[in-house]
Amino acid sequence: MTSEAVGTGRRGVPIVGLLALLWVCGLIAAALWWLGIGLEQWSVSYGDQPGEFEDLTRQASVALLVAALVATAGPLLIALVAYQLRQVRTAVVFLVLAAVIAVPAVPIAVLAGRDLDPAPAATTPGPPGHCVEHSGGDTRCPGG
C-alpha cells in the first residue's frame, strides 16, 4: 500500500464522519417534524374543523416521504463518497445499510405517496341524459 493511498484514506475519515453525522441529524429532524404533525393532528381531532385535519394528514404524508428519502439516500451518498475516497469497507457497510433501510422505507413511501394523491371521490350516477325504453313496450319518453 503506498503512502498516497493511506493519506487519501485517512483524509476522508472526517468527511465520511461528518456526512454520517449530518445523515443522523436529518433523520432526527424528519422524525421530529413527523411527530410534531402527529401531535397537531391529535389536538385538531378534538376540534370541529375537518379541513384542517385533512391538511395535516397531507403534511404528515410529505414528512413521511422526506424521512424515507433521507433514510435511504443518506447511506447511498455516504457510500458513494467513501468509495471515491477509497474507503471500500466503509462504502460496503453503508451500501448494505441503505439496502436494509430501503426494505421498509419503500413500502412506507409508496403508501405515503398514495395519501398525497387521493382517489377521486365516487360520483353517484344521475338520470340518463337520453330516453331509455323499458321492457314491455311501455315507453314513457316525451314525444312517444
C-alpha atoms as a PDB file:
ATOM      1  CA  MET A   1       0.000   0.000   0.000  1.00  0.00           C
ATOM      2  CA  THR A   2       1.515   3.334  -0.986  1.00  0.00           C
ATOM      3  CA  SER A   3       1.653   6.353   1.253  1.00  0.00           C
ATOM      4  CA  GLU A   4      -0.654   8.168  -1.190  1.00  0.00           C
ATOM      5  CA  ALA A   5      -3.419   5.589  -0.696  1.00  0.00           C
ATOM      6  CA  VAL A   6      -3.016   5.711   3.083  1.00  0.00           C
ATOM      7  CA  GLY A   7      -3.083   9.518   3.050  1.00  0.00           C
ATOM      8  CA  THR A   8      -6.248   9.628   0.945  1.00  0.00           C
ATOM      9  CA  GLY A   9      -7.980   7.101   3.204  1.00  0.00           C
ATOM     10  CA  ARG A  10      -7.100   8.932   6.396  1.00  0.00           C
ATOM     11  CA  ARG A  11      -8.060  12.299   4.958  1.00  0.00           C
ATOM     12  CA  GLY A  12     -11.539  11.023   4.091  1.00  0.00           C
ATOM     13  CA  VAL A  13     -12.411   9.822   7.607  1.00  0.00           C
ATOM     14  CA  PRO A  14     -13.589  13.249   8.822  1.00  0.00           C
ATOM     15  CA  ILE A  15     -15.593  13.771   5.625  1.00  0.00           C
ATOM     16  CA  VAL A  16     -17.399  10.441   5.922  1.00  0.00           C
ATOM     17  CA  GLY A  17     -17.907  11.003   9.650  1.00  0.00           C
ATOM     18  CA  LEU A  18     -19.387  14.445   9.019  1.00  0.00           C
ATOM     19  CA  LEU A  19     -21.718  13.053   6.354  1.00  0.00           C
ATOM     20  CA  ALA A  20     -22.848  10.296   8.728  1.00  0.00           C
ATOM     21  CA  LEU A  21     -23.496  12.882  11.442  1.00  0.00           C
ATOM     22  CA  LEU A  22     -25.495  15.044   9.018  1.00  0.00           C
ATOM     23  CA  TRP A  23     -27.490  11.969   7.963  1.00  0.00           C
ATOM     24  CA  VAL A  24     -28.373  11.092  11.557  1.00  0.00           C
ATOM     25  CA  CYS A  25     -29.331  14.722  12.264  1.00  0.00           C
ATOM     26  CA  GLY A  26     -31.518  14.724   9.148  1.00  0.00           C
ATOM     27  CA  LEU A  27     -33.258  11.551  10.329  1.00  0.00           C
ATOM     28  CA  ILE A  28     -33.880  13.053  13.756  1.00  0.00           C
ATOM     29  CA  ALA A  29     -35.202  16.289  12.227  1.00  0.00           C
ATOM     30  CA  ALA A  30     -37.572  14.414   9.894  1.00  0.00           C
ATOM     31  CA  ALA A  31     -38.811  12.222  12.752  1.00  0.00           C
ATOM     32  CA  LEU A  32     -39.430  15.247  14.980  1.00  0.00           C
ATOM     33  CA  TRP A  33     -41.249  17.023  12.140  1.00  0.00           C
ATOM     34  CA  TRP A  34     -43.495  13.979  11.614  1.00  0.00           C
ATOM     35  CA  LEU A  35     -44.076  13.642  15.370  1.00  0.00           C
ATOM     36  CA  GLY A  36     -44.986  17.335  15.636  1.00  0.00           C
ATOM     37  CA  ILE A  37     -47.536  16.991  12.856  1.00  0.00           C
ATOM     38  CA  GLY A  38     -48.970  13.923  14.581  1.00  0.00           C
ATOM     39  CA  LEU A  39     -49.368  15.823  17.848  1.00  0.00           C
ATOM     40  CA  GLU A  40     -51.036  18.676  15.993  1.00  0.00           C
ATOM     41  CA  GLN A  41     -53.400  16.191  14.332  1.00  0.00           C
ATOM     42  CA  TRP A  42     -54.249  14.815  17.748  1.00  0.00           C
ATOM     43  CA  SER A  43     -55.162  18.268  19.064  1.00  0.00           C
ATOM     44  CA  VAL A  44     -57.150  19.148  15.919  1.00  0.00           C
ATOM     45  CA  SER A  45     -59.092  15.867  16.103  1.00  0.00           C
ATOM     46  CA  TYR A  46     -60.933  17.250  19.115  1.00  0.00           C
ATOM     47  CA  GLY A  47     -61.941  20.363  17.163  1.00  0.00           C
ATOM     48  CA  ASP A  48     -64.694  20.865  14.635  1.00  0.00           C
ATOM     49  CA  GLN A  49     -62.708  21.773  11.520  1.00  0.00           C
ATOM     50  CA  PRO A  50     -62.348  18.682   9.296  1.00  0.00           C
ATOM     51  CA  GLY A  51     -60.464  20.570   6.573  1.00  0.00           C
ATOM     52  CA  GLU A  52     -57.608  21.333   8.927  1.00  0.00           C
ATOM     53  CA  PHE A  53     -57.234  17.654   9.831  1.00  0.00           C
ATOM     54  CA  GLU A  54     -57.040  16.672   6.146  1.00  0.00           C
ATOM     55  CA  ASP A  55     -54.380  19.334   5.562  1.00  0.00           C
ATOM     56  CA  LEU A  56     -52.347  17.954   8.452  1.00  0.00           C
ATOM     57  CA  THR A  57     -52.735  14.426   7.060  1.00  0.00           C
ATOM     58  CA  ARG A  58     -51.249  15.660   3.796  1.00  0.00           C
ATOM     59  CA  GLN A  59     -48.379  17.332   5.674  1.00  0.00           C
ATOM     60  CA  ALA A  60     -47.734  14.105   7.584  1.00  0.00           C
ATOM     61  CA  SER A  61     -47.515  12.208   4.291  1.00  0.00           C
ATOM     62  CA  VAL A  62     -44.975  14.712   2.979  1.00  0.00           C
ATOM     63  CA  ALA A  63     -42.945  14.413   6.192  1.00  0.00           C
ATOM     64  CA  LEU A  64     -43.003  10.620   5.915  1.00  0.00           C
ATOM     65  CA  LEU A  65     -41.829  10.790   2.301  1.00  0.00           C
ATOM     66  CA  VAL A  66     -38.992  13.124   3.279  1.00  0.00           C
ATOM     67  CA  ALA A  67     -37.995  10.810   6.137  1.00  0.00           C
ATOM     68  CA  ALA A  68     -37.965   7.795   3.799  1.00  0.00           C
ATOM     69  CA  LEU A  69     -35.894   9.713   1.264  1.00  0.00           C
ATOM     70  CA  VAL A  70     -33.382  10.868   3.887  1.00  0.00           C
ATOM     71  CA  ALA A  71     -33.203   7.377   5.391  1.00  0.00           C
ATOM     72  CA  THR A  72     -32.324   5.701   2.087  1.00  0.00           C
ATOM     73  CA  ALA A  73     -30.466   8.429   0.208  1.00  0.00           C
ATOM     74  CA  GLY A  74     -28.160   9.302   3.112  1.00  0.00           C
ATOM     75  CA  PRO A  75     -26.328   5.969   3.279  1.00  0.00           C
ATOM     76  CA  LEU A  76     -26.159   5.816  -0.522  1.00  0.00           C
ATOM     77  CA  LEU A  77     -24.471   9.218  -0.646  1.00  0.00           C
ATOM     78  CA  ILE A  78     -22.092   8.278   2.162  1.00  0.00           C
ATOM     79  CA  ALA A  79     -21.233   5.013   0.378  1.00  0.00           C
ATOM     80  CA  LEU A  80     -20.511   6.902  -2.835  1.00  0.00           C
ATOM     81  CA  VAL A  81     -18.271   9.434  -1.091  1.00  0.00           C
ATOM     82  CA  ALA A  82     -16.490   6.703   0.878  1.00  0.00           C
ATOM     83  CA  TYR A  83     -15.852   4.755  -2.315  1.00  0.00           C
ATOM     84  CA  GLN A  84     -14.469   7.860  -4.011  1.00  0.00           C
ATOM     85  CA  LEU A  85     -12.146   8.342  -1.029  1.00  0.00           C
ATOM     86  CA  ARG A  86     -11.016   4.707  -1.397  1.00  0.00           C
ATOM     87  CA  GLN A  87     -12.662   3.531   1.814  1.00  0.00           C
ATOM     88  CA  VAL A  88     -14.119   0.406   0.270  1.00  0.00           C
ATOM     89  CA  ARG A  89     -15.143  -1.334   3.506  1.00  0.00           C
ATOM     90  CA  THR A  90     -16.960   1.777   4.719  1.00  0.00           C
ATOM     91  CA  ALA A  91     -18.684   2.085   1.358  1.00  0.00           C
ATOM     92  CA  VAL A  92     -19.839  -1.536   1.524  1.00  0.00           C
ATOM     93  CA  VAL A  93     -21.152  -1.080   5.081  1.00  0.00           C
ATOM     94  CA  PHE A  94     -23.204   1.972   4.105  1.00  0.00           C
ATOM     95  CA  LEU A  95     -24.414   0.300   0.910  1.00  0.00           C
ATOM     96  CA  VAL A  96     -25.685  -2.692   2.910  1.00  0.00           C
ATOM     97  CA  LEU A  97     -27.237  -0.286   5.439  1.00  0.00           C
ATOM     98  CA  ALA A  98     -29.042   1.519   2.608  1.00  0.00           C
ATOM     99  CA  ALA A  99     -30.407  -1.789   1.292  1.00  0.00           C
ATOM    100  CA  VAL A 100     -31.607  -2.843   4.753  1.00  0.00           C
ATOM    101  CA  ILE A 101     -33.277   0.528   5.349  1.00  0.00           C
ATOM    102  CA  ALA A 102     -34.871   0.529   1.881  1.00  0.00           C
ATOM    103  CA  VAL A 103     -36.816  -2.671   2.623  1.00  0.00           C
ATOM    104  CA  PRO A 104     -39.308  -0.967   4.993  1.00  0.00           C
ATOM    105  CA  ALA A 105     -38.823   2.564   3.617  1.00  0.00           C
ATOM    106  CA  VAL A 106     -40.023   1.874   0.075  1.00  0.00           C
ATOM    107  CA  PRO A 107     -43.473   0.478   1.045  1.00  0.00           C
ATOM    108  CA  ILE A 108     -43.906   3.288   3.558  1.00  0.00           C
ATOM    109  CA  ALA A 109     -43.061   5.848   0.870  1.00  0.00           C
ATOM    110  CA  VAL A 110     -45.497   4.223  -1.573  1.00  0.00           C
ATOM    111  CA  LEU A 111     -48.321   4.384   0.974  1.00  0.00           C
ATOM    112  CA  ALA A 112     -47.473   7.991   1.853  1.00  0.00           C
ATOM    113  CA  GLY A 113     -47.439   8.842  -1.853  1.00  0.00           C
ATOM    114  CA  ARG A 114     -50.921   7.393  -2.240  1.00  0.00           C
ATOM    115  CA  ASP A 115     -52.117   9.664   0.552  1.00  0.00           C
ATOM    116  CA  LEU A 116     -50.772  12.670  -1.338  1.00  0.00           C
ATOM    117  CA  ASP A 117     -52.728  11.796  -4.473  1.00  0.00           C
ATOM    118  CA  PRO A 118     -56.101  10.594  -3.197  1.00  0.00           C
ATOM    119  CA  ALA A 119     -58.500   8.759  -5.469  1.00  0.00           C
ATOM    120  CA  PRO A 120     -61.248  10.912  -6.949  1.00  0.00           C
ATOM    121  CA  ALA A 121     -64.466  10.963  -4.964  1.00  0.00           C
ATOM    122  CA  ALA A 122     -67.060   8.437  -6.057  1.00  0.00           C
ATOM    123  CA  THR A 123     -69.826  10.086  -8.007  1.00  0.00           C
ATOM    124  CA  THR A 124     -73.381   8.861  -7.889  1.00  0.00           C
ATOM    125  CA  PRO A 125     -74.848   8.319 -11.316  1.00  0.00           C
ATOM    126  CA  GLY A 126     -77.609  10.723 -12.207  1.00  0.00           C
ATOM    127  CA  PRO A 127     -80.560  10.165 -14.509  1.00  0.00           C
ATOM    128  CA  PRO A 128     -79.625   9.367 -18.095  1.00  0.00           C
ATOM    129  CA  GLY A 129     -79.491  12.296 -20.467  1.00  0.00           C
ATOM    130  CA  HIS A 130     -81.500  10.467 -23.103  1.00  0.00           C
ATOM    131  CA  CYS A 131     -84.700   8.441 -23.348  1.00  0.00           C
ATOM    132  CA  VAL A 132     -84.411   4.849 -22.143  1.00  0.00           C
ATOM    133  CA  GLU A 133     -87.017   2.300 -23.162  1.00  0.00           C
ATOM    134  CA  HIS A 134     -88.176  -0.193 -20.576  1.00  0.00           C
ATOM    135  CA  SER A 135     -89.169  -3.765 -21.319  1.00  0.00           C
ATOM    136  CA  GLY A 136     -92.804  -4.464 -22.031  1.00  0.00           C
ATOM    137  CA  GLY A 137     -93.241  -1.869 -24.742  1.00  0.00           C
ATOM    138  CA  ASP A 138     -94.235   0.890 -22.295  1.00  0.00           C
ATOM    139  CA  THR A 139     -92.362   3.965 -23.398  1.00  0.00           C
ATOM    140  CA  ARG A 140     -92.583   6.966 -21.176  1.00  0.00           C
ATOM    141  CA  CYS A 141     -90.387   9.224 -23.193  1.00  0.00           C
ATOM    142  CA  PRO A 142     -91.542  12.679 -24.155  1.00  0.00           C
ATOM    143  CA  GLY A 143     -92.863  12.605 -27.651  1.00  0.00           C
ATOM    144  CA  GLY A 144     -93.804   8.968 -27.652  1.00  0.00           C
END
